[in-house]
Amino acid sequence: MASLPLVKICGLQSVEAAQVALDSGADLLGIILVPGRSRTIDTAVAQQIAQLVQRKRRKNAVASTKLIKTVNATYDENADPDHVYFQTIAQALIHNGPYLVGVVQNQTIGLINKLAITIGLDFIQIHGKESRSRASIAQYVVPVISRVVLTNDNLADLQREQTLVEDNHLNLSLACTPRNHALVLMDSEVGGEGKTIDWSSCARFYELSKTKYILAGGLTPDNVQAALEENSAGVLGVDVSGGVETDGKKDMRKIRQFVENAKAWGK
């Protein structure tokens, strides 16, 4: 069984930084495909990173789409608790990876699919008000990681077992549904700005939903083990971007240290 936590280095913009992340043992590499952001990547560089990721994978590794289909086929929603589904996927990603994730926000499904094919993405990560319904998720050409924003209101709705009317990132019931998303990622409202989210809210989310998640938001090499420890019941992995940068650029030493510290947790 693959050893948790899963580690994702996001906001990569150079082949050099991507190579360091891969050599350090990162399981997921993330690139920003939202136009006009400080970390938005050039398409040609994104394609080069995709090739690096593909070469790093073992020859017999399972492609992302096939991996998710296999987990979907074996998961018994009537017998298995929800957390088993997401944990199985996280462990399979660690065992078969690395994989490349493209971060998108409020872009059309057609454009996102074109980017996924052109670049060679393994997953997309939706960060905006995209529909989280199963019918919408099924239209993407690669599996989906769904960013979740916790608020007092949607946690209260989850506690009352009620569903928000809006079909977006605030609807926790949709985010918790197995076979809908490959993984759930906890982050701040904007994401990538280094703002530490309320770890106790994440723990509360797991207590109410029994849905395990990837933790993001304000993580650094110095605090990642404390974050994992405080969220030990529900956390499957960690995601970092700004926390491995110096003066707005990826810091190779910090990337190595973050992956090393995260992977050392619990050992």
Protein backbone atom coordinates (compact mmCIF):
# COMPACT_ATOMS: atom_id res chain seq x y z
CA MET A 1 0.00 0.00 0.00
CA ALA A 2 1.35 3.42 -0.96
CA SER A 3 2.35 5.60 1.95
CA LEU A 4 0.48 8.85 2.56
CA PRO A 5 0.68 11.82 2.41
CA LEU A 6 0.40 12.67 -1.24
CA VAL A 7 2.42 15.81 -2.09
CA LYS A 8 1.57 18.37 -4.79
CA ILE A 9 3.83 21.25 -5.86
CA CYS A 10 1.70 23.83 -7.65
CA GLY A 11 2.20 27.04 -9.61
CA LEU A 12 5.20 25.70 -11.52
CA GLN A 13 6.38 27.86 -14.42
CA SER A 14 9.73 26.38 -15.38
CA VAL A 15 11.11 23.04 -16.45
CA GLU A 16 13.88 23.42 -13.87
CA ALA A 17 11.49 23.75 -10.95
CA ALA A 18 9.36 20.89 -12.27
CA GLN A 19 12.42 18.64 -12.48
CA VAL A 20 13.40 19.49 -8.91
CA ALA A 21 9.85 18.69 -7.72
CA LEU A 22 9.95 15.35 -9.53
CA ASP A 23 13.42 14.46 -8.28
CA SER A 24 12.33 15.35 -4.74
CA GLY A 25 9.46 12.86 -4.90
CA ALA A 26 6.39 15.01 -5.50
CA ASP A 27 3.37 12.96 -6.55
CA LEU A 28 1.48 15.73 -8.35
CA LEU A 29 2.78 18.78 -10.23
CA GLY A 30 0.41 21.69 -10.71
CA ILE A 31 0.38 24.39 -13.37
CA ILE A 32 -1.88 27.45 -13.56
CA LEU A 33 -3.96 27.73 -16.74
CA VAL A 34 -6.08 30.69 -15.62
CA PRO A 35 -5.28 33.72 -17.83
CA GLY A 36 -3.70 36.79 -16.30
CA ARG A 37 -2.38 35.30 -13.06
CA SER A 38 1.15 35.85 -11.80
CA ARG A 39 1.82 32.12 -12.08
CA THR A 40 0.05 31.49 -15.40
CA ILE A 41 2.25 29.16 -17.45
CA ASP A 42 3.26 29.40 -21.09
CA THR A 43 1.71 26.57 -23.12
CA ALA A 44 5.03 25.46 -24.60
CA VAL A 45 6.59 25.20 -21.13
CA ALA A 46 3.53 23.33 -19.88
CA GLN A 47 3.98 20.77 -22.66
CA GLN A 48 7.63 20.30 -21.70
CA ILE A 49 6.66 19.72 -18.08
CA ALA A 50 4.03 17.21 -19.19
CA GLN A 51 6.72 15.29 -21.05
CA LEU A 52 8.94 15.30 -17.94
CA VAL A 53 6.10 13.90 -15.85
CA GLN A 54 5.33 11.18 -18.38
CA ARG A 55 8.98 10.12 -18.55
CA LYS A 56 9.20 9.98 -14.75
CA ARG A 57 6.34 7.50 -14.47
CA ARG A 58 7.10 3.80 -14.50
CA LYS A 59 6.44 2.02 -17.78
CA ASN A 60 3.64 -0.02 -16.26
CA ALA A 61 2.01 2.92 -14.45
CA VAL A 62 -1.74 3.36 -14.92
CA ALA A 63 -2.97 6.42 -16.81
CA SER A 64 -5.11 8.79 -14.75
CA THR A 65 -8.39 8.15 -16.58
CA LYS A 66 -7.99 4.37 -16.37
CA LEU A 67 -6.97 4.61 -12.72
CA ILE A 68 -10.14 6.48 -11.78
CA LYS A 69 -12.33 4.11 -13.81
CA THR A 70 -10.79 1.15 -11.99
CA VAL A 71 -11.45 2.68 -8.56
CA ASN A 72 -15.00 3.59 -9.60
CA ALA A 73 -15.66 0.01 -10.70
CA THR A 74 -14.48 -1.51 -7.43
CA TYR A 75 -15.94 1.01 -4.97
CA ASP A 76 -19.16 -0.17 -3.33
CA GLU A 77 -21.08 2.92 -2.25
CA ASN A 78 -23.49 0.76 -0.24
CA ALA A 79 -20.76 -0.92 1.77
CA ASP A 80 -17.68 1.32 1.72
CA PRO A 81 -17.56 4.60 3.67
CA ASP A 82 -16.89 7.68 1.54
CA HIS A 83 -13.36 8.20 2.86
CA VAL A 84 -12.29 4.83 1.44
CA TYR A 85 -12.92 6.07 -2.11
CA PHE A 86 -10.71 9.16 -1.89
CA GLN A 87 -8.02 7.38 0.12
CA THR A 88 -7.84 4.60 -2.48
CA ILE A 89 -7.34 7.16 -5.23
CA ALA A 90 -4.65 9.05 -3.30
CA GLN A 91 -2.72 5.87 -2.63
CA ALA A 92 -3.04 4.80 -6.28
CA LEU A 93 -1.70 8.19 -7.42
CA ILE A 94 1.33 7.83 -5.16
CA HIS A 95 1.95 4.30 -6.42
CA ASN A 96 1.53 5.10 -10.12
CA GLY A 97 2.56 8.77 -10.34
CA PRO A 98 3.70 11.39 -10.82
CA TYR A 99 0.81 13.12 -12.58
CA LEU A 100 0.29 16.63 -13.98
CA VAL A 101 -2.61 18.81 -12.80
CA GLY A 102 -3.88 21.88 -14.66
CA VAL A 103 -5.60 24.49 -12.49
CA VAL A 104 -8.56 26.24 -14.15
CA GLN A 105 -11.19 28.72 -13.03
CA ASN A 106 -14.50 29.69 -14.64
CA GLN A 107 -13.39 28.62 -18.14
CA THR A 108 -15.60 26.70 -20.53
CA ILE A 109 -15.49 22.91 -20.56
CA GLY A 110 -14.59 23.04 -24.24
CA LEU A 111 -11.58 25.27 -23.62
CA ILE A 112 -10.46 23.22 -20.63
CA ASN A 113 -10.63 20.00 -22.61
CA LYS A 114 -8.64 21.58 -25.43
CA LEU A 115 -5.95 22.65 -22.96
CA ALA A 116 -5.88 19.19 -21.38
CA ILE A 117 -5.32 17.52 -24.75
CA THR A 118 -2.87 20.10 -26.10
CA ILE A 119 -0.68 20.07 -22.98
CA GLY A 120 -1.09 16.46 -21.96
CA LEU A 121 -2.73 16.92 -18.56
CA ASP A 122 -3.58 14.00 -16.29
CA PHE A 123 -6.04 15.92 -14.10
CA ILE A 124 -7.75 19.28 -13.99
CA GLN A 125 -8.39 21.18 -10.77
CA ILE A 126 -11.47 23.39 -10.82
CA HIS A 127 -11.22 26.52 -8.67
CA GLY A 128 -14.22 28.64 -9.58
CA LYS A 129 -17.98 28.36 -9.77
CA GLU A 130 -17.91 25.48 -12.22
CA SER A 131 -20.71 22.96 -11.81
CA ARG A 132 -19.83 20.15 -9.44
CA SER A 133 -22.67 17.94 -10.64
CA ARG A 134 -21.84 14.45 -11.87
CA ALA A 135 -23.25 15.22 -15.32
CA SER A 136 -20.93 18.23 -15.71
CA ILE A 137 -17.85 16.49 -14.31
CA ALA A 138 -18.38 13.64 -16.78
CA GLN A 139 -17.85 16.06 -19.70
CA TYR A 140 -14.16 16.63 -18.92
CA VAL A 141 -11.63 14.52 -20.82
CA VAL A 142 -9.51 13.92 -17.70
CA PRO A 143 -10.46 13.35 -14.04
CA VAL A 144 -11.28 16.33 -11.83
CA ILE A 145 -9.89 17.56 -8.52
CA SER A 146 -12.38 19.92 -6.88
CA ARG A 147 -11.25 22.88 -4.78
CA VAL A 148 -13.51 23.41 -1.74
CA VAL A 149 -13.89 26.64 0.21
CA LEU A 150 -15.21 26.22 3.75
CA THR A 151 -17.53 28.82 5.24
CA ASN A 152 -19.60 28.91 8.41
CA ASP A 153 -22.73 28.65 6.24
CA ASN A 154 -21.81 25.63 4.17
CA LEU A 155 -20.42 23.78 7.19
CA ALA A 156 -23.74 24.45 8.95
CA ASP A 157 -25.63 23.16 5.91
CA LEU A 158 -23.49 20.05 5.94
CA GLN A 159 -24.19 19.53 9.63
CA ARG A 160 -27.94 19.80 8.96
CA GLU A 161 -27.51 17.43 6.00
CA GLN A 162 -28.88 20.13 3.73
CA THR A 163 -27.65 21.01 0.25
CA LEU A 164 -27.06 24.55 -0.98
CA VAL A 165 -29.16 25.59 -3.95
CA GLU A 166 -26.10 26.85 -5.81
CA ASP A 167 -24.23 24.20 -7.80
CA ASN A 168 -20.71 25.52 -7.18
CA HIS A 169 -17.66 25.27 -4.98
CA LEU A 170 -19.64 26.13 -1.84
CA ASN A 171 -21.81 23.02 -2.15
CA LEU A 172 -20.07 20.58 0.16
CA SER A 173 -22.54 17.77 -0.50
CA LEU A 174 -21.46 17.59 -4.14
CA ALA A 175 -17.79 17.74 -3.18
CA CYS A 176 -18.23 14.80 -0.82
CA THR A 177 -19.79 12.49 -3.41
CA PRO A 178 -17.62 9.52 -4.42
CA ARG A 179 -17.29 8.88 -8.17
CA ASN A 180 -17.90 12.60 -8.76
CA HIS A 181 -14.42 14.04 -8.19
CA ALA A 182 -11.12 12.24 -7.99
CA LEU A 183 -10.01 14.26 -4.97
CA VAL A 184 -11.19 17.15 -2.80
CA LEU A 185 -8.79 20.02 -2.10
CA MET A 186 -9.24 22.48 0.78
CA ASP A 187 -7.99 25.98 0.03
CA SER A 188 -8.71 29.64 0.68
CA GLU A 189 -11.11 31.66 -1.47
CA VAL A 190 -8.49 32.81 -3.97
CA GLY A 191 -5.81 30.18 -3.56
CA GLY A 192 -2.10 30.60 -4.14
CA GLU A 193 -1.76 33.74 -2.04
CA GLY A 194 -0.16 31.99 0.92
CA LYS A 195 -3.11 32.54 3.25
CA THR A 196 -3.30 29.87 5.94
CA ILE A 197 -6.79 28.42 6.12
CA ASP A 198 -8.46 27.47 9.38
CA TRP A 199 -7.21 23.96 10.05
CA SER A 200 -9.92 23.42 12.67
CA SER A 201 -12.58 24.02 9.98
CA CYS A 202 -10.98 21.30 7.86
CA ALA A 203 -11.10 18.94 10.81
CA ARG A 204 -14.76 19.87 11.31
CA PHE A 205 -15.47 19.16 7.64
CA TYR A 206 -14.04 15.66 8.00
CA GLU A 207 -15.93 15.08 11.24
CA LEU A 208 -19.21 15.91 9.51
CA SER A 209 -18.64 14.36 6.09
CA LYS A 210 -16.02 11.62 6.61
CA THR A 211 -14.56 12.87 3.31
CA LYS A 212 -10.75 12.91 3.24
CA TYR A 213 -9.02 15.78 1.49
CA ILE A 214 -5.85 17.46 0.23
CA LEU A 215 -4.84 20.40 2.42
CA ALA A 216 -3.62 23.67 0.85
CA GLY A 217 -3.36 27.29 1.92
CA GLY A 218 -0.38 28.86 3.64
CA LEU A 219 1.72 25.72 3.89
CA THR A 220 5.52 25.97 4.08
CA PRO A 221 8.41 23.58 4.70
CA ASP A 222 8.35 24.77 8.33
CA ASN A 223 4.66 24.18 9.11
CA VAL A 224 3.68 21.26 6.86
CA GLN A 225 4.25 18.61 9.51
CA ALA A 226 2.20 20.55 12.07
CA ALA A 227 -0.59 20.92 9.50
CA LEU A 228 -0.56 17.19 8.78
CA GLU A 229 -0.59 16.39 12.48
CA GLU A 230 -3.52 18.68 13.27
CA ASN A 231 -5.50 17.28 10.33
CA SER A 232 -4.30 13.69 10.71
CA ALA A 233 -7.79 12.16 10.76
CA GLY A 234 -8.90 13.57 7.41
CA VAL A 235 -5.85 14.62 5.43
CA LEU A 236 -4.65 12.63 2.43
CA GLY A 237 -2.00 15.04 1.22
CA VAL A 238 -0.72 18.59 0.98
CA ASP A 239 -0.52 21.19 -1.78
CA VAL A 240 1.89 24.14 -1.85
CA SER A 241 2.69 27.02 -4.17
CA GLY A 242 3.69 30.30 -2.51
CA GLY A 243 5.20 28.47 0.44
CA VAL A 244 8.04 27.19 -1.73
CA GLU A 245 8.85 30.56 -3.31
CA THR A 246 11.27 33.37 -2.58
CA ASP A 247 10.45 36.81 -4.00
CA GLY A 248 7.67 35.31 -6.11
CA LYS A 249 9.84 32.65 -7.76
CA LYS A 250 10.06 28.95 -7.05
CA ASP A 251 12.89 28.26 -4.62
CA MET A 252 14.56 24.91 -5.37
CA ARG A 253 15.76 24.45 -1.80
CA LYS A 254 12.27 25.07 -0.41
CA ILE A 255 10.71 22.62 -2.88
CA ARG A 256 13.11 19.89 -1.79
CA GLN A 257 12.60 20.68 1.90
CA PHE A 258 8.81 20.78 1.63
CA VAL A 259 8.59 17.37 -0.04
CA GLU A 260 11.11 15.88 2.38
CA ASN A 261 9.31 17.21 5.46
CA ALA A 262 5.86 16.18 4.21
CA LYS A 263 6.97 12.67 3.29
CA ALA A 264 8.76 12.27 6.64
CA TRP A 265 5.58 12.97 8.63
CA GLY A 266 4.43 10.02 10.68
CA LYS A 267 7.56 7.97 10.06
